[in-house]
Amino acid sequence: MVLSKQKRKRLIAKELHLAIVCLIAWMTVFTGVVSAQAVSSLESIDAIPYNITSPRYYILNINYTGSGEYAIVISASDVVLDLNEHIINNSGILCECESNVTVINGVVTLSQMYFDCVSKGKIEHVKFDLGDIYLKESKSIEISNNTWIDSQGISITLEGCTDVIIKNNTIRGSLTLLGSQKIEIINNTFIGQPIEPCLEIAIDLRESSDNTIYGNTYTGIWIYDSNTQQYYPSGLFGIYLENSNRNKLLNNEIEGTCGGIKLYSSTENIIFRNKLKDNINGTTVIDSINNVFYLNDFVNNTVNVYSKNSTNIWNSTTVYSVHLQQIQCS
């Protein structure tokens, strides 16, 4: 049988795409994300809802708009789910109690990616538009190189998680840790949203200890309040710690918030070489002891430091004023 020129081109393009997918799959194996078993065969997802039950490299071939149910359920370990730049809208992706699970390359809108009791895996190169990631009691997960186009409030939640790395993401909305430890939050860019003044918290730790927050930036938006006829920042805090101990806050830059960095009822944290610029309060410390503040840079804040019922260690090459009355935000 002689194929037409157009059909030959389509066949070559299809084979080339398959070869590229295979190469990516084997690269994923060699980087240690999943085992060779996961990519011993490829499978296309051409209809949704879809339940993944075998270790494979899965490729989504359609866009999908749902009505709140999970579009894809991952019920196997050693899985790569390649969204293949397709859109999952008003639905979600669920994985429970599996290991070595990777989700890459797609768009998630008005939907949640929910991992419960998952060990080892990766969420990478996904765009979220009013969507979010929720990890519960999971460990050894990497969330990297994702982008939030818009957010409904909280973009990433970790509840009871350990050994999770969150790096190189562009995030609109909050990153919240609830009872989580040994989390690394590294080199993420947080962008303020035009919402109500003094509402947004970029990095929010509640009862979460022994975490590292390094090299992140938050830039708030100043919003005009017609009632007071004044401008206020969108961000409440760039980094907030409550009942959270032994965390390291290093080399972060926070601009345009009510409270910059705030510690409440937290102890033995290290706050080192952070830049706090154009905030109402640069740093707020309440009911917190034995924290170390060292070589932080305070620039053009209304109040550099507010401290109440707290005894901490302050060390810097520059003398800054410390105010005992807080201004504008709690």
C-alpha atoms as a PDB file:
ATOM      1  CA  MET A   1       0.000   0.000   0.000  1.00  0.00           C
ATOM      2  CA  VAL A   2       1.376   3.414  -0.969  1.00  0.00           C
ATOM      3  CA  LEU A   3       0.715   6.175   1.546  1.00  0.00           C
ATOM      4  CA  SER A   4      -0.031   9.690   0.413  1.00  0.00           C
ATOM      5  CA  LYS A   5       2.471  12.419   1.232  1.00  0.00           C
ATOM      6  CA  GLN A   6       0.131  13.912   3.845  1.00  0.00           C
ATOM      7  CA  LYS A   7      -0.438  10.560   5.563  1.00  0.00           C
ATOM      8  CA  ARG A   8       3.313   9.868   5.601  1.00  0.00           C
ATOM      9  CA  LYS A   9       3.881  13.225   7.308  1.00  0.00           C
ATOM     10  CA  ARG A  10       1.235  12.445   9.933  1.00  0.00           C
ATOM     11  CA  LEU A  11       2.742   9.006  10.560  1.00  0.00           C
ATOM     12  CA  ILE A  12       6.262  10.440  10.912  1.00  0.00           C
ATOM     13  CA  ALA A  13       4.990  13.152  13.284  1.00  0.00           C
ATOM     14  CA  LYS A  14       3.206  10.525  15.392  1.00  0.00           C
ATOM     15  CA  GLU A  15       6.300   8.324  15.568  1.00  0.00           C
ATOM     16  CA  LEU A  16       8.478  11.324  16.430  1.00  0.00           C
ATOM     17  CA  HIS A  17       6.111  12.320  19.241  1.00  0.00           C
ATOM     18  CA  LEU A  18       6.176   8.761  20.591  1.00  0.00           C
ATOM     19  CA  ALA A  19       9.985   8.727  20.481  1.00  0.00           C
ATOM     20  CA  ILE A  20      10.155  12.013  22.406  1.00  0.00           C
ATOM     21  CA  VAL A  21       7.715  10.729  25.027  1.00  0.00           C
ATOM     22  CA  CYS A  22       9.785   7.550  25.419  1.00  0.00           C
ATOM     23  CA  LEU A  23      12.931   9.616  25.857  1.00  0.00           C
ATOM     24  CA  ILE A  24      11.287  11.772  28.519  1.00  0.00           C
ATOM     25  CA  ALA A  25       9.977   8.666  30.229  1.00  0.00           C
ATOM     26  CA  TRP A  26      13.397   7.010  30.386  1.00  0.00           C
ATOM     27  CA  MET A  27      14.969  10.267  31.586  1.00  0.00           C
ATOM     28  CA  THR A  28      12.387  10.240  34.364  1.00  0.00           C
ATOM     29  CA  VAL A  29      13.535   6.740  35.303  1.00  0.00           C
ATOM     30  CA  PHE A  30      17.200   7.705  35.351  1.00  0.00           C
ATOM     31  CA  THR A  31      16.514  10.701  37.606  1.00  0.00           C
ATOM     32  CA  GLY A  32      14.990   8.293  40.108  1.00  0.00           C
ATOM     33  CA  VAL A  33      11.395   9.516  40.089  1.00  0.00           C
ATOM     34  CA  VAL A  34       9.819   6.228  38.999  1.00  0.00           C
ATOM     35  CA  SER A  35      10.990   2.728  38.264  1.00  0.00           C
ATOM     36  CA  ALA A  36      11.609   1.214  34.824  1.00  0.00           C
ATOM     37  CA  GLN A  37       8.413  -0.773  35.245  1.00  0.00           C
ATOM     38  CA  ALA A  38       6.400   2.452  35.057  1.00  0.00           C
ATOM     39  CA  VAL A  39       7.564   3.188  31.535  1.00  0.00           C
ATOM     40  CA  SER A  40       7.799  -0.321  30.165  1.00  0.00           C
ATOM     41  CA  SER A  41       4.652   0.587  28.253  1.00  0.00           C
ATOM     42  CA  LEU A  42       2.836   3.768  27.293  1.00  0.00           C
ATOM     43  CA  GLU A  43      -0.891   4.255  27.484  1.00  0.00           C
ATOM     44  CA  SER A  44      -3.082   7.020  26.083  1.00  0.00           C
ATOM     45  CA  ILE A  45      -5.966   8.529  28.030  1.00  0.00           C
ATOM     46  CA  ASP A  46      -8.643   9.283  25.448  1.00  0.00           C
ATOM     47  CA  ALA A  47     -11.710   9.369  27.711  1.00  0.00           C
ATOM     48  CA  ILE A  48     -12.413  10.748  31.186  1.00  0.00           C
ATOM     49  CA  PRO A  49     -13.183   9.850  34.016  1.00  0.00           C
ATOM     50  CA  TYR A  50     -10.186   7.511  34.046  1.00  0.00           C
ATOM     51  CA  ASN A  51      -8.821   5.208  36.755  1.00  0.00           C
ATOM     52  CA  ILE A  52      -5.115   4.384  36.570  1.00  0.00           C
ATOM     53  CA  THR A  53      -4.536   0.872  37.924  1.00  0.00           C
ATOM     54  CA  SER A  54      -1.173  -0.214  36.482  1.00  0.00           C
ATOM     55  CA  PRO A  55       2.402   1.131  36.542  1.00  0.00           C
ATOM     56  CA  ARG A  56       2.814   2.937  33.221  1.00  0.00           C
ATOM     57  CA  TYR A  57       3.560   6.215  31.533  1.00  0.00           C
ATOM     58  CA  TYR A  58       0.123   7.725  30.790  1.00  0.00           C
ATOM     59  CA  ILE A  59      -0.478  10.490  28.235  1.00  0.00           C
ATOM     60  CA  LEU A  60      -3.617  12.613  28.293  1.00  0.00           C
ATOM     61  CA  ASN A  61      -4.921  13.307  24.788  1.00  0.00           C
ATOM     62  CA  ILE A  62      -8.045  15.388  25.479  1.00  0.00           C
ATOM     63  CA  ASN A  63      -9.237  18.462  27.344  1.00  0.00           C
ATOM     64  CA  TYR A  64     -11.903  17.814  29.956  1.00  0.00           C
ATOM     65  CA  THR A  65     -14.513  19.884  31.777  1.00  0.00           C
ATOM     66  CA  GLY A  66     -16.212  18.118  34.658  1.00  0.00           C
ATOM     67  CA  SER A  67     -18.792  18.879  37.325  1.00  0.00           C
ATOM     68  CA  GLY A  68     -16.684  18.566  40.459  1.00  0.00           C
ATOM     69  CA  GLU A  69     -15.748  14.866  40.367  1.00  0.00           C
ATOM     70  CA  TYR A  70     -12.172  13.637  39.982  1.00  0.00           C
ATOM     71  CA  ALA A  71     -11.233  13.412  36.330  1.00  0.00           C
ATOM     72  CA  ILE A  72      -8.311  11.046  36.934  1.00  0.00           C
ATOM     73  CA  VAL A  73      -7.798   8.718  39.909  1.00  0.00           C
ATOM     74  CA  ILE A  74      -4.331   7.213  40.348  1.00  0.00           C
ATOM     75  CA  SER A  75      -4.691   3.803  42.009  1.00  0.00           C
ATOM     76  CA  ALA A  76      -1.225   2.394  41.306  1.00  0.00           C
ATOM     77  CA  SER A  77       2.400   3.081  42.184  1.00  0.00           C
ATOM     78  CA  ASP A  78       5.203   3.797  39.699  1.00  0.00           C
ATOM     79  CA  VAL A  79       3.063   6.048  37.527  1.00  0.00           C
ATOM     80  CA  VAL A  80       3.853   9.039  35.332  1.00  0.00           C
ATOM     81  CA  LEU A  81       0.810  11.071  34.295  1.00  0.00           C
ATOM     82  CA  ASP A  82       1.715  13.405  31.434  1.00  0.00           C
ATOM     83  CA  LEU A  83      -1.118  15.881  30.925  1.00  0.00           C
ATOM     84  CA  ASN A  84       0.459  16.675  27.578  1.00  0.00           C
ATOM     85  CA  GLU A  85      -0.463  20.396  27.772  1.00  0.00           C
ATOM     86  CA  HIS A  86      -4.166  19.566  28.001  1.00  0.00           C
ATOM     87  CA  ILE A  87      -6.669  21.216  30.353  1.00  0.00           C
ATOM     88  CA  ILE A  88      -8.559  19.646  33.247  1.00  0.00           C
ATOM     89  CA  ASN A  89     -11.330  22.043  34.225  1.00  0.00           C
ATOM     90  CA  ASN A  90     -13.739  21.963  37.190  1.00  0.00           C
ATOM     91  CA  SER A  91     -12.558  18.504  38.154  1.00  0.00           C
ATOM     92  CA  GLY A  92      -9.362  17.138  39.700  1.00  0.00           C
ATOM     93  CA  ILE A  93      -6.680  14.481  40.115  1.00  0.00           C
ATOM     94  CA  LEU A  94      -6.674  12.115  43.109  1.00  0.00           C
ATOM     95  CA  CYS A  95      -3.981   9.767  44.400  1.00  0.00           C
ATOM     96  CA  GLU A  96      -4.239   7.863  47.682  1.00  0.00           C
ATOM     97  CA  CYS A  97      -1.677   5.653  49.431  1.00  0.00           C
ATOM     98  CA  GLU A  98       0.588   5.030  46.431  1.00  0.00           C
ATOM     99  CA  SER A  99       4.293   5.691  45.799  1.00  0.00           C
ATOM    100  CA  ASN A 100       6.469   7.015  42.981  1.00  0.00           C
ATOM    101  CA  VAL A 101       3.758   9.100  41.343  1.00  0.00           C
ATOM    102  CA  THR A 102       4.555  11.971  38.984  1.00  0.00           C
ATOM    103  CA  VAL A 103       2.195  14.487  37.346  1.00  0.00           C
ATOM    104  CA  ILE A 104       3.634  16.822  34.695  1.00  0.00           C
ATOM    105  CA  ASN A 105       2.874  19.199  31.814  1.00  0.00           C
ATOM    106  CA  GLY A 106      -0.672  20.522  31.796  1.00  0.00           C
ATOM    107  CA  VAL A 107      -3.269  23.046  32.920  1.00  0.00           C
ATOM    108  CA  VAL A 108      -5.547  22.628  35.938  1.00  0.00           C
ATOM    109  CA  THR A 109      -8.406  25.128  36.285  1.00  0.00           C
ATOM    110  CA  LEU A 110     -10.975  25.345  39.067  1.00  0.00           C
ATOM    111  CA  SER A 111      -9.685  21.966  40.227  1.00  0.00           C
ATOM    112  CA  GLN A 112      -7.564  20.327  42.933  1.00  0.00           C
ATOM    113  CA  MET A 113      -4.653  17.936  42.726  1.00  0.00           C
ATOM    114  CA  TYR A 114      -5.030  15.876  45.921  1.00  0.00           C
ATOM    115  CA  PHE A 115      -2.352  13.467  47.207  1.00  0.00           C
ATOM    116  CA  ASP A 116      -3.248  11.571  50.395  1.00  0.00           C
ATOM    117  CA  CYS A 117      -0.651   9.300  52.036  1.00  0.00           C
ATOM    118  CA  VAL A 118       1.595   9.344  48.979  1.00  0.00           C
ATOM    119  CA  SER A 119       5.329   8.691  49.258  1.00  0.00           C
ATOM    120  CA  LYS A 120       7.821   9.816  46.628  1.00  0.00           C
ATOM    121  CA  GLY A 121       6.740  11.697  43.581  1.00  0.00           C
ATOM    122  CA  LYS A 122       6.703  14.959  41.714  1.00  0.00           C
ATOM    123  CA  ILE A 123       4.314  17.644  40.484  1.00  0.00           C
ATOM    124  CA  GLU A 124       6.083  19.691  37.842  1.00  0.00           C
ATOM    125  CA  HIS A 125       5.434  22.086  34.940  1.00  0.00           C
ATOM    126  CA  VAL A 126       1.709  22.424  35.644  1.00  0.00           C
ATOM    127  CA  LYS A 127      -0.226  25.690  35.264  1.00  0.00           C
ATOM    128  CA  PHE A 128      -2.977  26.308  37.808  1.00  0.00           C
ATOM    129  CA  ASP A 129      -5.785  28.772  37.131  1.00  0.00           C
ATOM    130  CA  LEU A 130      -7.962  28.974  40.235  1.00  0.00           C
ATOM    131  CA  GLY A 131      -6.686  25.490  41.091  1.00  0.00           C
ATOM    132  CA  ASP A 132      -4.585  24.157  43.945  1.00  0.00           C
ATOM    133  CA  ILE A 133      -2.413  21.345  45.297  1.00  0.00           C
ATOM    134  CA  TYR A 134      -3.310  19.607  48.574  1.00  0.00           C
ATOM    135  CA  LEU A 135      -0.931  17.075  50.130  1.00  0.00           C
ATOM    136  CA  LYS A 136      -2.051  15.178  53.236  1.00  0.00           C
ATOM    137  CA  GLU A 137       0.217  12.900  55.295  1.00  0.00           C
ATOM    138  CA  SER A 138       2.549  12.539  52.321  1.00  0.00           C
ATOM    139  CA  LYS A 139       6.336  12.500  52.187  1.00  0.00           C
ATOM    140  CA  SER A 140       9.243  12.873  49.783  1.00  0.00           C
ATOM    141  CA  ILE A 141       7.272  14.849  47.205  1.00  0.00           C
ATOM    142  CA  GLU A 142       8.736  17.592  45.014  1.00  0.00           C
ATOM    143  CA  ILE A 143       6.571  20.475  43.776  1.00  0.00           C
ATOM    144  CA  SER A 144       8.607  22.465  41.277  1.00  0.00           C
ATOM    145  CA  ASN A 145       8.436  24.755  38.255  1.00  0.00           C
ATOM    146  CA  ASN A 146       4.671  25.226  38.429  1.00  0.00           C
ATOM    147  CA  THR A 147       2.799  28.483  37.776  1.00  0.00           C
ATOM    148  CA  TRP A 148      -0.372  29.901  39.297  1.00  0.00           C
ATOM    149  CA  ILE A 149      -2.140  32.198  36.839  1.00  0.00           C
ATOM    150  CA  ASP A 150      -4.818  33.040  39.402  1.00  0.00           C
ATOM    151  CA  SER A 151      -5.772  31.754  42.851  1.00  0.00           C
ATOM    152  CA  GLN A 152      -8.840  31.356  45.029  1.00  0.00           C
ATOM    153  CA  GLY A 153      -6.773  31.969  48.172  1.00  0.00           C
ATOM    154  CA  ILE A 154      -4.635  28.981  49.158  1.00  0.00           C
ATOM    155  CA  SER A 155      -2.614  27.552  46.273  1.00  0.00           C
ATOM    156  CA  ILE A 156      -0.611  24.852  48.091  1.00  0.00           C
ATOM    157  CA  THR A 157      -1.552  23.097  51.352  1.00  0.00           C
ATOM    158  CA  LEU A 158       0.590  20.571  53.211  1.00  0.00           C
ATOM    159  CA  GLU A 159      -1.123  18.819  56.110  1.00  0.00           C
ATOM    160  CA  GLY A 160       0.896  16.420  58.232  1.00  0.00           C
ATOM    161  CA  CYS A 161       3.630  16.096  55.594  1.00  0.00           C
ATOM    162  CA  THR A 162       7.378  15.519  55.847  1.00  0.00           C
ATOM    163  CA  ASP A 163      10.372  15.851  53.512  1.00  0.00           C
ATOM    164  CA  VAL A 164       8.569  17.839  50.815  1.00  0.00           C
ATOM    165  CA  ILE A 165      10.480  20.217  48.529  1.00  0.00           C
ATOM    166  CA  ILE A 166       8.670  23.225  47.045  1.00  0.00           C
ATOM    167  CA  LYS A 167      10.953  25.125  44.696  1.00  0.00           C
ATOM    168  CA  ASN A 168      11.073  27.401  41.659  1.00  0.00           C
ATOM    169  CA  ASN A 169       7.330  27.987  41.472  1.00  0.00           C
ATOM    170  CA  THR A 170       5.502  31.214  40.600  1.00  0.00           C
ATOM    171  CA  ILE A 171       2.636  31.421  43.059  1.00  0.00           C
ATOM    172  CA  ARG A 172      -0.391  33.648  43.393  1.00  0.00           C
ATOM    173  CA  GLY A 173      -2.103  32.898  46.686  1.00  0.00           C
ATOM    174  CA  SER A 174      -0.854  31.271  49.878  1.00  0.00           C
ATOM    175  CA  LEU A 175       1.373  28.312  50.680  1.00  0.00           C
ATOM    176  CA  THR A 176       0.108  26.823  53.961  1.00  0.00           C
ATOM    177  CA  LEU A 177       1.783  24.260  56.223  1.00  0.00           C
ATOM    178  CA  LEU A 178      -0.366  22.530  58.841  1.00  0.00           C
ATOM    179  CA  GLY A 179       1.508  20.267  61.248  1.00  0.00           C
ATOM    180  CA  SER A 180       4.263  19.630  58.706  1.00  0.00           C
ATOM    181  CA  GLN A 181       8.006  19.281  59.198  1.00  0.00           C
ATOM    182  CA  LYS A 182      11.260  19.046  57.254  1.00  0.00           C
ATOM    183  CA  ILE A 183       9.743  21.005  54.376  1.00  0.00           C
ATOM    184  CA  GLU A 184      12.042  23.003  52.084  1.00  0.00           C
ATOM    185  CA  ILE A 185      10.500  26.098  50.482  1.00  0.00           C
ATOM    186  CA  ILE A 186      13.148  27.400  48.098  1.00  0.00           C
ATOM    187  CA  ASN A 187      13.381  30.120  45.422  1.00  0.00           C
ATOM    188  CA  ASN A 188       9.671  30.609  44.860  1.00  0.00           C
ATOM    189  CA  THR A 189       8.172  33.857  43.574  1.00  0.00           C
ATOM    190  CA  PHE A 190       4.970  34.953  45.322  1.00  0.00           C
ATOM    191  CA  ILE A 191       2.906  37.632  43.590  1.00  0.00           C
ATOM    192  CA  GLY A 192       0.323  39.699  45.463  1.00  0.00           C
ATOM    193  CA  GLN A 193      -3.257  39.730  44.235  1.00  0.00           C
ATOM    194  CA  PRO A 194      -5.658  42.677  43.970  1.00  0.00           C
ATOM    195  CA  ILE A 195      -7.913  41.472  46.781  1.00  0.00           C
ATOM    196  CA  GLU A 196      -8.930  43.115  50.065  1.00  0.00           C
ATOM    197  CA  PRO A 197      -6.135  45.031  51.833  1.00  0.00           C
ATOM    198  CA  CYS A 198      -4.017  43.204  54.417  1.00  0.00           C
ATOM    199  CA  LEU A 199      -5.562  39.797  53.785  1.00  0.00           C
ATOM    200  CA  GLU A 200      -3.040  37.618  51.958  1.00  0.00           C
ATOM    201  CA  ILE A 201      -0.339  35.506  53.645  1.00  0.00           C
ATOM    202  CA  ALA A 202       2.308  34.227  51.245  1.00  0.00           C
ATOM    203  CA  ILE A 203       3.923  31.523  53.437  1.00  0.00           C
ATOM    204  CA  ASP A 204       1.805  30.449  56.398  1.00  0.00           C
ATOM    205  CA  LEU A 205       3.119  27.953  59.007  1.00  0.00           C
ATOM    206  CA  ARG A 206       0.802  26.600  61.708  1.00  0.00           C
ATOM    207  CA  GLU A 207       2.235  24.107  64.215  1.00  0.00           C
ATOM    208  CA  SER A 208       4.986  23.306  61.727  1.00  0.00           C
ATOM    209  CA  SER A 209       8.599  22.941  62.837  1.00  0.00           C
ATOM    210  CA  ASP A 210      12.097  22.177  61.489  1.00  0.00           C
ATOM    211  CA  ASN A 211      11.396  23.660  58.054  1.00  0.00           C
ATOM    212  CA  THR A 212      13.618  25.766  55.783  1.00  0.00           C
ATOM    213  CA  ILE A 213      12.320  28.828  53.923  1.00  0.00           C
ATOM    214  CA  TYR A 214      15.071  30.120  51.645  1.00  0.00           C
ATOM    215  CA  GLY A 215      15.414  32.595  48.790  1.00  0.00           C
ATOM    216  CA  ASN A 216      11.714  33.342  48.270  1.00  0.00           C
ATOM    217  CA  THR A 217      10.271  36.690  47.212  1.00  0.00           C
ATOM    218  CA  TYR A 218       6.882  38.251  47.867  1.00  0.00           C
ATOM    219  CA  THR A 219       5.740  41.505  46.278  1.00  0.00           C
ATOM    220  CA  GLY A 220       2.401  42.874  47.404  1.00  0.00           C
ATOM    221  CA  ILE A 221       0.040  45.225  45.597  1.00  0.00           C
ATOM    222  CA  TRP A 222      -1.062  48.525  47.128  1.00  0.00           C
ATOM    223  CA  ILE A 223      -4.863  48.835  47.068  1.00  0.00           C
ATOM    224  CA  TYR A 224      -6.865  52.032  47.451  1.00  0.00           C
ATOM    225  CA  ASP A 225      -9.503  52.007  50.220  1.00  0.00           C
ATOM    226  CA  SER A 226     -12.266  54.428  49.303  1.00  0.00           C
ATOM    227  CA  ASN A 227     -13.565  54.500  52.898  1.00  0.00           C
ATOM    228  CA  THR A 228     -10.324  55.748  54.415  1.00  0.00           C
ATOM    229  CA  GLN A 229      -9.040  57.279  51.167  1.00  0.00           C
ATOM    230  CA  GLN A 230      -5.672  55.630  51.754  1.00  0.00           C
ATOM    231  CA  TYR A 231      -3.608  52.913  50.115  1.00  0.00           C
ATOM    232  CA  TYR A 232      -2.963  49.610  51.915  1.00  0.00           C
ATOM    233  CA  PRO A 233      -0.908  46.586  50.877  1.00  0.00           C
ATOM    234  CA  SER A 234      -2.647  43.419  49.713  1.00  0.00           C
ATOM    235  CA  GLY A 235      -0.368  41.235  51.822  1.00  0.00           C
ATOM    236  CA  LEU A 236      -1.021  40.686  55.517  1.00  0.00           C
ATOM    237  CA  PHE A 237       2.283  38.865  56.062  1.00  0.00           C
ATOM    238  CA  GLY A 238       5.006  37.617  53.770  1.00  0.00           C
ATOM    239  CA  ILE A 239       5.900  34.830  56.234  1.00  0.00           C
ATOM    240  CA  TYR A 240       3.789  33.940  59.273  1.00  0.00           C
ATOM    241  CA  LEU A 241       4.713  31.449  62.011  1.00  0.00           C
ATOM    242  CA  GLU A 242       2.244  30.357  64.680  1.00  0.00           C
ATOM    243  CA  ASN A 243       3.189  27.707  67.257  1.00  0.00           C
ATOM    244  CA  SER A 244       6.052  26.797  64.930  1.00  0.00           C
ATOM    245  CA  ASN A 245       9.581  26.156  66.181  1.00  0.00           C
ATOM    246  CA  ARG A 246      13.155  25.649  64.923  1.00  0.00           C
ATOM    247  CA  ASN A 247      12.441  26.923  61.419  1.00  0.00           C
ATOM    248  CA  LYS A 248      15.064  28.695  59.316  1.00  0.00           C
ATOM    249  CA  LEU A 249      14.052  31.825  57.372  1.00  0.00           C
ATOM    250  CA  LEU A 250      16.996  32.729  55.160  1.00  0.00           C
ATOM    251  CA  ASN A 251      17.563  35.236  52.340  1.00  0.00           C
ATOM    252  CA  ASN A 252      13.914  35.978  51.638  1.00  0.00           C
ATOM    253  CA  GLU A 253      12.694  39.322  50.247  1.00  0.00           C
ATOM    254  CA  ILE A 254       9.305  40.667  51.347  1.00  0.00           C
ATOM    255  CA  GLU A 255       7.839  43.892  50.016  1.00  0.00           C
ATOM    256  CA  GLY A 256       4.458  45.571  50.365  1.00  0.00           C
ATOM    257  CA  THR A 257       2.754  43.863  53.327  1.00  0.00           C
ATOM    258  CA  CYS A 258       1.157  44.905  56.582  1.00  0.00           C
ATOM    259  CA  GLY A 259       3.427  42.713  58.681  1.00  0.00           C
ATOM    260  CA  GLY A 260       6.469  41.454  56.746  1.00  0.00           C
ATOM    261  CA  ILE A 261       7.555  38.508  58.909  1.00  0.00           C
ATOM    262  CA  LYS A 262       5.449  37.676  61.966  1.00  0.00           C
ATOM    263  CA  LEU A 263       6.134  35.190  64.757  1.00  0.00           C
ATOM    264  CA  TYR A 264       3.373  34.324  67.192  1.00  0.00           C
ATOM    265  CA  SER A 265       3.949  31.900  70.067  1.00  0.00           C
ATOM    266  CA  SER A 266       6.979  30.448  68.284  1.00  0.00           C
ATOM    267  CA  THR A 267      10.463  29.671  69.549  1.00  0.00           C
ATOM    268  CA  GLU A 268      14.032  28.850  68.462  1.00  0.00           C
ATOM    269  CA  ASN A 269      13.587  30.043  64.888  1.00  0.00           C
ATOM    270  CA  ILE A 270      16.463  31.580  62.922  1.00  0.00           C
ATOM    271  CA  ILE A 271      15.706  34.672  60.823  1.00  0.00           C
ATOM    272  CA  PHE A 272      18.838  35.520  58.815  1.00  0.00           C
ATOM    273  CA  ARG A 273      19.640  37.930  55.958  1.00  0.00           C
ATOM    274  CA  ASN A 274      16.061  38.650  54.945  1.00  0.00           C
ATOM    275  CA  LYS A 275      15.190  41.911  53.201  1.00  0.00           C
ATOM    276  CA  LEU A 276      12.039  43.663  54.422  1.00  0.00           C
ATOM    277  CA  LYS A 277      11.087  46.662  52.292  1.00  0.00           C
ATOM    278  CA  ASP A 278       8.123  49.064  52.109  1.00  0.00           C
ATOM    279  CA  ASN A 279       6.051  47.193  54.681  1.00  0.00           C
ATOM    280  CA  ILE A 280       3.954  48.776  57.419  1.00  0.00           C
ATOM    281  CA  ASN A 281       5.665  46.569  60.010  1.00  0.00           C
ATOM    282  CA  GLY A 282       8.946  44.975  58.932  1.00  0.00           C
ATOM    283  CA  THR A 283       8.898  42.286  61.622  1.00  0.00           C
ATOM    284  CA  THR A 284       6.308  41.495  64.295  1.00  0.00           C
ATOM    285  CA  VAL A 285       7.105  39.230  67.252  1.00  0.00           C
ATOM    286  CA  ILE A 286       4.426  38.372  69.833  1.00  0.00           C
ATOM    287  CA  ASP A 287       4.641  35.885  72.719  1.00  0.00           C
ATOM    288  CA  SER A 288       7.759  34.345  71.170  1.00  0.00           C
ATOM    289  CA  ILE A 289      11.127  33.609  72.814  1.00  0.00           C
ATOM    290  CA  ASN A 290      14.634  32.402  71.972  1.00  0.00           C
ATOM    291  CA  ASN A 291      14.445  33.296  68.299  1.00  0.00           C
ATOM    292  CA  VAL A 292      17.571  34.632  66.575  1.00  0.00           C
ATOM    293  CA  PHE A 293      17.350  37.642  64.219  1.00  0.00           C
ATOM    294  CA  TYR A 294      20.648  38.212  62.446  1.00  0.00           C
ATOM    295  CA  LEU A 295      21.750  40.615  59.670  1.00  0.00           C
ATOM    296  CA  ASN A 296      18.287  41.324  58.284  1.00  0.00           C
ATOM    297  CA  ASP A 297      17.885  44.374  56.064  1.00  0.00           C
ATOM    298  CA  PHE A 298      15.050  46.793  56.905  1.00  0.00           C
ATOM    299  CA  VAL A 299      14.289  49.340  54.174  1.00  0.00           C
ATOM    300  CA  ASN A 300      11.609  52.050  54.255  1.00  0.00           C
ATOM    301  CA  ASN A 301       9.180  50.277  56.576  1.00  0.00           C
ATOM    302  CA  THR A 302       6.806  52.397  58.653  1.00  0.00           C
ATOM    303  CA  VAL A 303       7.932  50.423  61.705  1.00  0.00           C
ATOM    304  CA  ASN A 304      10.959  48.161  61.436  1.00  0.00           C
ATOM    305  CA  VAL A 305      10.318  45.914  64.450  1.00  0.00           C
ATOM    306  CA  TYR A 306       7.368  45.445  66.767  1.00  0.00           C
ATOM    307  CA  SER A 307       7.903  43.167  69.778  1.00  0.00           C
ATOM    308  CA  LYS A 308       5.480  42.253  72.568  1.00  0.00           C
ATOM    309  CA  ASN A 309       5.935  39.773  75.443  1.00  0.00           C
ATOM    310  CA  SER A 310       8.995  38.398  73.674  1.00  0.00           C
ATOM    311  CA  THR A 311      12.675  37.914  74.518  1.00  0.00           C
ATOM    312  CA  ASN A 312      14.830  37.168  71.503  1.00  0.00           C
ATOM    313  CA  ILE A 313      18.355  37.626  70.193  1.00  0.00           C
ATOM    314  CA  TRP A 314      18.925  40.523  67.801  1.00  0.00           C
ATOM    315  CA  ASN A 315      22.271  40.974  66.085  1.00  0.00           C
ATOM    316  CA  SER A 316      23.027  43.270  63.195  1.00  0.00           C
ATOM    317  CA  THR A 317      25.758  45.537  61.874  1.00  0.00           C
ATOM    318  CA  THR A 318      23.168  48.332  61.718  1.00  0.00           C
ATOM    319  CA  VAL A 319      21.150  49.799  64.573  1.00  0.00           C
ATOM    320  CA  TYR A 320      17.392  49.790  63.892  1.00  0.00           C
ATOM    321  CA  SER A 321      14.578  51.340  65.882  1.00  0.00           C
ATOM    322  CA  VAL A 322      12.346  48.936  67.792  1.00  0.00           C
ATOM    323  CA  HIS A 323       8.763  50.073  68.376  1.00  0.00           C
ATOM    324  CA  LEU A 324       6.584  48.773  71.180  1.00  0.00           C
ATOM    325  CA  GLN A 325       3.368  49.885  69.564  1.00  0.00           C
ATOM    326  CA  GLN A 326       2.130  48.221  66.472  1.00  0.00           C
ATOM    327  CA  ILE A 327       0.789  50.189  63.540  1.00  0.00           C
ATOM    328  CA  GLN A 328      -2.130  49.265  61.276  1.00  0.00           C
ATOM    329  CA  CYS A 329      -2.086  45.466  61.426  1.00  0.00           C
ATOM    330  CA  SER A 330      -2.423  42.747  64.058  1.00  0.00           C
END
